[in-house]
Amino acid sequence: MASDLDFSPPEVPEPTFLENLLRYGLFLGAIFQLICVLAIIVPVPKSHEVEAEPSEPRSAEVMRKPKTTAPANKRPKKEAKKKR
């Protein structure tokens, strides 16, 4: 009975190029996601270079006042349908 059992390791085929590409691509994607999550969680202090030179003129886009938007509670009037 003991001679009937086969304890040899199973034969596993070598992974193909596409399987390796998929495997390492998934690893890189997971690492990228971890970096993105850490970038959100960990605050980065602002550099002092920006504060040191406030005399630089700002561009016209930054100096413009933001456009005011319509209040959320007011809806535009509906146009009346023409009767035939």
N, C-alpha and C. Protein backbone atom coordinates (compact mmCIF):
# COMPACT_ATOMS: atom_id res chain seq x y z
N MET A 1 0.80 -1.19 0.00
CA MET A 1 0.00 0.00 0.00
C MET A 1 0.85 1.26 0.00
N ALA A 2 1.91 1.26 0.75
CA ALA A 2 2.79 2.42 0.81
C ALA A 2 3.46 2.65 -0.54
N SER A 3 3.61 1.60 -1.35
CA SER A 3 4.25 1.76 -2.64
C SER A 3 3.32 2.40 -3.67
N ASP A 4 2.01 2.46 -3.40
CA ASP A 4 1.05 3.06 -4.32
C ASP A 4 1.07 4.59 -4.27
N LEU A 5 1.52 5.18 -3.17
CA LEU A 5 1.51 6.64 -3.03
C LEU A 5 2.70 7.24 -3.75
N ASP A 6 2.44 8.32 -4.51
CA ASP A 6 3.50 9.00 -5.25
C ASP A 6 3.73 10.37 -4.62
N PHE A 7 4.86 10.53 -3.94
CA PHE A 7 5.17 11.77 -3.25
C PHE A 7 6.10 12.68 -4.05
N SER A 8 6.27 12.44 -5.32
CA SER A 8 7.13 13.28 -6.13
C SER A 8 6.43 14.61 -6.41
N PRO A 9 7.19 15.68 -6.55
CA PRO A 9 6.55 16.98 -6.80
C PRO A 9 5.85 16.98 -8.15
N PRO A 10 4.73 17.70 -8.25
CA PRO A 10 4.02 17.74 -9.54
C PRO A 10 4.82 18.50 -10.58
N GLU A 11 4.64 18.11 -11.80
CA GLU A 11 5.36 18.78 -12.89
C GLU A 11 4.60 20.06 -13.26
N VAL A 12 5.29 21.18 -13.12
CA VAL A 12 4.69 22.48 -13.41
C VAL A 12 5.38 23.02 -14.65
N PRO A 13 4.62 23.37 -15.68
CA PRO A 13 5.25 23.89 -16.89
C PRO A 13 5.87 25.27 -16.64
N GLU A 14 6.90 25.58 -17.39
CA GLU A 14 7.54 26.89 -17.28
C GLU A 14 6.57 27.96 -17.76
N PRO A 15 6.50 29.11 -17.06
CA PRO A 15 5.59 30.17 -17.50
C PRO A 15 6.05 30.76 -18.84
N THR A 16 5.07 31.10 -19.65
CA THR A 16 5.38 31.68 -20.95
C THR A 16 5.75 33.15 -20.80
N PHE A 17 6.18 33.75 -21.89
CA PHE A 17 6.56 35.16 -21.88
C PHE A 17 5.37 36.04 -21.49
N LEU A 18 4.20 35.75 -22.04
CA LEU A 18 3.02 36.57 -21.74
C LEU A 18 2.60 36.42 -20.28
N GLU A 19 2.74 35.23 -19.72
CA GLU A 19 2.40 35.03 -18.32
C GLU A 19 3.36 35.82 -17.42
N ASN A 20 4.65 35.81 -17.78
CA ASN A 20 5.62 36.59 -17.02
C ASN A 20 5.34 38.08 -17.14
N LEU A 21 5.00 38.52 -18.35
CA LEU A 21 4.69 39.93 -18.57
C LEU A 21 3.48 40.36 -17.74
N LEU A 22 2.46 39.53 -17.71
CA LEU A 22 1.27 39.82 -16.92
C LEU A 22 1.60 39.85 -15.44
N ARG A 23 2.39 38.91 -14.99
CA ARG A 23 2.74 38.81 -13.58
C ARG A 23 3.50 40.05 -13.12
N TYR A 24 4.53 40.43 -13.85
CA TYR A 24 5.32 41.58 -13.44
C TYR A 24 4.56 42.89 -13.66
N GLY A 25 3.70 42.93 -14.66
CA GLY A 25 2.86 44.11 -14.85
C GLY A 25 1.91 44.33 -13.69
N LEU A 26 1.37 43.24 -13.16
CA LEU A 26 0.49 43.35 -12.00
C LEU A 26 1.27 43.81 -10.77
N PHE A 27 2.49 43.33 -10.62
CA PHE A 27 3.32 43.78 -9.50
C PHE A 27 3.61 45.28 -9.62
N LEU A 28 3.96 45.74 -10.81
CA LEU A 28 4.24 47.16 -11.00
C LEU A 28 2.98 48.00 -10.75
N GLY A 29 1.83 47.51 -11.19
CA GLY A 29 0.58 48.23 -10.95
C GLY A 29 0.26 48.33 -9.46
N ALA A 30 0.52 47.26 -8.72
CA ALA A 30 0.27 47.29 -7.28
C ALA A 30 1.22 48.27 -6.58
N ILE A 31 2.47 48.29 -7.00
CA ILE A 31 3.43 49.22 -6.41
C ILE A 31 3.02 50.67 -6.72
N PHE A 32 2.57 50.91 -7.95
CA PHE A 32 2.13 52.26 -8.33
C PHE A 32 0.93 52.69 -7.48
N GLN A 33 -0.01 51.78 -7.25
CA GLN A 33 -1.17 52.12 -6.43
C GLN A 33 -0.76 52.42 -5.00
N LEU A 34 0.18 51.67 -4.46
CA LEU A 34 0.65 51.94 -3.10
C LEU A 34 1.31 53.31 -3.01
N ILE A 35 2.09 53.66 -4.02
CA ILE A 35 2.73 54.98 -4.04
C ILE A 35 1.68 56.08 -4.10
N CYS A 36 0.64 55.88 -4.90
CA CYS A 36 -0.42 56.90 -5.00
C CYS A 36 -1.17 57.05 -3.68
N VAL A 37 -1.46 55.94 -3.02
CA VAL A 37 -2.16 56.02 -1.74
C VAL A 37 -1.28 56.69 -0.70
N LEU A 38 0.00 56.36 -0.68
CA LEU A 38 0.91 57.00 0.27
C LEU A 38 1.05 58.49 -0.01
N ALA A 39 0.99 58.89 -1.28
CA ALA A 39 1.08 60.31 -1.62
C ALA A 39 -0.12 61.08 -1.08
N ILE A 40 -1.26 60.43 -0.99
CA ILE A 40 -2.45 61.08 -0.45
C ILE A 40 -2.37 61.15 1.07
N ILE A 41 -1.88 60.08 1.69
CA ILE A 41 -1.87 60.00 3.14
C ILE A 41 -0.77 60.87 3.74
N VAL A 42 0.44 60.79 3.19
CA VAL A 42 1.58 61.49 3.76
C VAL A 42 1.61 62.93 3.25
N PRO A 43 1.53 63.92 4.13
CA PRO A 43 1.59 65.32 3.68
C PRO A 43 3.01 65.70 3.30
N VAL A 44 3.13 66.51 2.26
CA VAL A 44 4.43 66.98 1.80
C VAL A 44 4.53 68.46 2.14
N PRO A 45 5.57 68.87 2.87
CA PRO A 45 5.69 70.29 3.21
C PRO A 45 6.00 71.11 1.97
N LYS A 46 5.45 72.31 1.94
CA LYS A 46 5.70 73.20 0.79
C LYS A 46 7.12 73.72 0.86
N SER A 47 7.72 73.90 -0.29
CA SER A 47 9.09 74.39 -0.32
C SER A 47 9.11 75.89 0.00
N HIS A 48 10.23 76.38 0.51
CA HIS A 48 10.35 77.79 0.86
C HIS A 48 10.70 78.66 -0.34
N GLU A 49 11.05 78.04 -1.46
CA GLU A 49 11.40 78.80 -2.65
C GLU A 49 10.21 79.59 -3.17
N VAL A 50 9.03 79.03 -3.08
CA VAL A 50 7.84 79.71 -3.58
C VAL A 50 7.53 80.92 -2.71
N GLU A 51 7.70 80.79 -1.41
CA GLU A 51 7.40 81.89 -0.50
C GLU A 51 8.49 82.96 -0.54
N ALA A 52 9.70 82.61 -0.92
CA ALA A 52 10.82 83.56 -0.90
C ALA A 52 10.71 84.60 -2.01
N GLU A 53 10.05 84.29 -3.11
CA GLU A 53 9.97 85.21 -4.24
C GLU A 53 8.53 85.59 -4.56
N PRO A 54 7.87 86.33 -3.69
CA PRO A 54 6.50 86.74 -4.00
C PRO A 54 6.44 87.92 -4.96
N SER A 55 7.60 88.53 -5.30
CA SER A 55 7.61 89.71 -6.16
C SER A 55 7.38 89.35 -7.63
N GLU A 56 7.41 88.07 -7.97
CA GLU A 56 7.18 87.69 -9.37
C GLU A 56 5.75 88.02 -9.76
N PRO A 57 5.55 88.62 -10.92
CA PRO A 57 4.17 88.92 -11.34
C PRO A 57 3.43 87.63 -11.67
N ARG A 58 2.22 87.58 -11.21
CA ARG A 58 1.41 86.41 -11.51
C ARG A 58 0.84 86.52 -12.90
N SER A 59 0.56 85.39 -13.48
CA SER A 59 -0.01 85.41 -14.83
C SER A 59 -1.43 85.95 -14.78
N ALA A 60 -1.94 86.34 -15.94
CA ALA A 60 -3.28 86.92 -16.02
C ALA A 60 -4.34 85.91 -15.61
N GLU A 61 -4.08 84.66 -15.86
CA GLU A 61 -5.07 83.64 -15.51
C GLU A 61 -5.24 83.53 -14.00
N VAL A 62 -4.16 83.68 -13.26
CA VAL A 62 -4.23 83.57 -11.81
C VAL A 62 -4.87 84.82 -11.21
N MET A 63 -4.66 85.99 -11.81
CA MET A 63 -5.16 87.24 -11.27
C MET A 63 -6.65 87.43 -11.49
N ARG A 64 -7.22 86.75 -12.46
CA ARG A 64 -8.65 86.92 -12.74
C ARG A 64 -9.49 86.41 -11.58
N LYS A 65 -10.61 87.06 -11.40
CA LYS A 65 -11.54 86.59 -10.38
C LYS A 65 -12.30 85.39 -10.96
N PRO A 66 -12.59 84.41 -10.14
CA PRO A 66 -13.34 83.27 -10.66
C PRO A 66 -14.76 83.69 -11.03
N LYS A 67 -15.25 83.11 -12.09
CA LYS A 67 -16.61 83.44 -12.54
C LYS A 67 -17.61 82.93 -11.52
N THR A 68 -18.61 83.74 -11.28
CA THR A 68 -19.64 83.32 -10.34
C THR A 68 -20.59 82.37 -11.05
N THR A 69 -20.98 81.35 -10.35
CA THR A 69 -21.91 80.38 -10.92
C THR A 69 -23.31 80.68 -10.41
N ALA A 70 -24.30 80.20 -11.13
CA ALA A 70 -25.68 80.41 -10.74
C ALA A 70 -25.95 79.63 -9.46
N PRO A 71 -26.75 80.19 -8.57
CA PRO A 71 -27.08 79.46 -7.34
C PRO A 71 -27.73 78.12 -7.67
N ALA A 72 -27.48 77.16 -6.82
CA ALA A 72 -27.94 75.79 -7.08
C ALA A 72 -29.46 75.67 -6.98
N ASN A 73 -30.10 76.54 -6.17
CA ASN A 73 -31.53 76.39 -5.97
C ASN A 73 -32.36 77.03 -7.09
N LYS A 74 -31.76 77.85 -7.93
CA LYS A 74 -32.50 78.46 -9.03
C LYS A 74 -32.28 77.66 -10.30
N ARG A 75 -33.36 77.29 -10.92
CA ARG A 75 -33.29 76.53 -12.17
C ARG A 75 -33.62 77.46 -13.33
N PRO A 76 -33.00 77.20 -14.48
CA PRO A 76 -33.35 78.04 -15.64
C PRO A 76 -34.80 77.78 -16.06
N LYS A 77 -35.43 78.84 -16.58
CA LYS A 77 -36.84 78.70 -16.97
C LYS A 77 -36.96 77.78 -18.18
N LYS A 78 -37.99 76.95 -18.14
CA LYS A 78 -38.24 76.06 -19.26
C LYS A 78 -38.96 76.83 -20.36
N GLU A 79 -38.60 76.55 -21.58
CA GLU A 79 -39.28 77.19 -22.69
C GLU A 79 -40.61 76.48 -22.93
N ALA A 80 -41.62 77.28 -23.17
CA ALA A 80 -42.96 76.69 -23.40
C ALA A 80 -43.01 76.06 -24.78
N LYS A 81 -43.62 74.89 -24.85
CA LYS A 81 -43.75 74.22 -26.15
C LYS A 81 -44.83 74.91 -26.96
N LYS A 82 -44.62 74.95 -28.25
CA LYS A 82 -45.62 75.55 -29.13
C LYS A 82 -46.76 74.59 -29.34
N LYS A 83 -47.95 75.10 -29.25
CA LYS A 83 -49.14 74.26 -29.49
C LYS A 83 -49.44 74.25 -30.95
N ARG A 84 -49.83 73.09 -31.44
CA ARG A 84 -50.16 72.98 -32.87
C ARG A 84 -51.63 73.12 -33.11
